[in-house]
Amino acid sequence: MKTLFKSMVDLELSLRDTLAQAHKKFYANLRNEQGDVPGWVLVVLMTTGLVTAIWTIAAPRLSAILRNSLDAMNGIR
């Protein structure tokens, strides 16, 4: 019975040690992580530019489609 208890205690201590090491390693990696901020800024600016350009070109046609649809709905009554 004592050997079983001792092996369980040893297992618990081993698990605690392993978890503590994993915890330290995780937070060390987290502190060293550096984001690619200029890359994300470039992606956001390019996306904004594309949406603005497409919207500028498509806005008159989309407005006409919406206006025609609403006019057609008024005629259903």
Protein backbone atom coordinates (compact mmCIF):
# COMPACT_ATOMS: atom_id res chain seq x y z
CA MET A 1 0.00 0.00 0.00
CA LYS A 2 2.87 2.34 0.82
CA THR A 3 4.49 1.77 -2.55
CA LEU A 4 1.24 2.61 -4.35
CA PHE A 5 0.86 5.80 -2.31
CA LYS A 6 4.50 6.74 -2.94
CA SER A 7 4.16 6.17 -6.68
CA MET A 8 1.01 8.31 -6.76
CA VAL A 9 2.80 11.10 -4.88
CA ASP A 10 5.76 10.85 -7.24
CA LEU A 11 3.40 11.00 -10.23
CA GLU A 12 1.68 14.08 -8.83
CA LEU A 13 5.00 15.82 -8.24
CA SER A 14 6.15 14.90 -11.72
CA LEU A 15 2.94 16.28 -13.24
CA ARG A 16 3.23 19.49 -11.23
CA ASP A 17 6.82 19.93 -12.40
CA THR A 18 5.87 19.26 -16.03
CA LEU A 19 2.96 21.71 -15.86
CA ALA A 20 5.13 24.37 -14.24
CA GLN A 21 7.72 24.00 -16.98
CA ALA A 22 5.04 24.17 -19.68
CA HIS A 23 3.56 27.25 -18.02
CA LYS A 24 6.93 29.01 -17.94
CA LYS A 25 7.65 28.08 -21.55
CA PHE A 26 4.23 29.29 -22.72
CA TYR A 27 4.56 32.69 -21.07
CA ALA A 28 8.16 33.07 -22.25
CA ASN A 29 7.01 32.46 -25.83
CA LEU A 30 4.08 34.82 -25.32
CA ARG A 31 6.38 37.62 -24.14
CA ASN A 32 8.68 37.11 -27.14
CA GLU A 33 5.83 37.22 -29.69
CA GLN A 34 5.95 40.30 -31.86
CA GLY A 35 3.08 41.13 -34.19
CA ASP A 36 3.46 42.21 -37.77
CA VAL A 37 1.77 45.59 -37.30
CA PRO A 38 3.01 47.22 -40.54
CA GLY A 39 1.72 44.22 -42.50
CA TRP A 40 -1.72 44.45 -40.92
CA VAL A 41 -1.85 48.20 -41.49
CA LEU A 42 -1.03 47.62 -45.16
CA VAL A 43 -3.75 44.98 -45.48
CA VAL A 44 -6.34 47.26 -43.86
CA LEU A 45 -5.39 50.24 -46.03
CA MET A 46 -5.43 48.18 -49.23
CA THR A 47 -8.80 46.66 -48.37
CA THR A 48 -10.23 50.09 -47.58
CA GLY A 49 -8.90 51.43 -50.87
CA LEU A 50 -10.38 48.55 -52.86
CA VAL A 51 -13.79 48.84 -51.18
CA THR A 52 -13.83 52.60 -51.77
CA ALA A 53 -12.86 52.21 -55.43
CA ILE A 54 -15.43 49.48 -56.09
CA TRP A 55 -18.14 51.39 -54.20
CA THR A 56 -17.41 54.56 -56.21
CA ILE A 57 -17.81 52.67 -59.47
CA ALA A 58 -20.81 50.56 -58.42
CA ALA A 59 -22.80 53.11 -56.36
CA PRO A 60 -24.79 54.70 -59.24
CA ARG A 61 -25.78 51.29 -60.63
CA LEU A 62 -26.70 49.95 -57.19
CA SER A 63 -28.81 53.04 -56.52
CA ALA A 64 -30.62 52.55 -59.83
CA ILE A 65 -31.29 48.88 -59.04
CA LEU A 66 -32.66 49.76 -55.60
CA ARG A 67 -34.80 52.58 -56.99
CA ASN A 68 -36.24 50.31 -59.72
CA SER A 69 -36.97 47.57 -57.16
CA LEU A 70 -38.77 49.98 -54.83
CA ASP A 71 -40.75 51.46 -57.71
CA ALA A 72 -41.76 47.94 -58.79
CA MET A 73 -42.87 47.14 -55.23
CA ASN A 74 -45.03 50.28 -55.15
CA GLY A 75 -46.75 49.11 -58.34
CA ILE A 76 -47.76 45.77 -56.73
CA ARG A 77 -50.26 47.35 -54.36
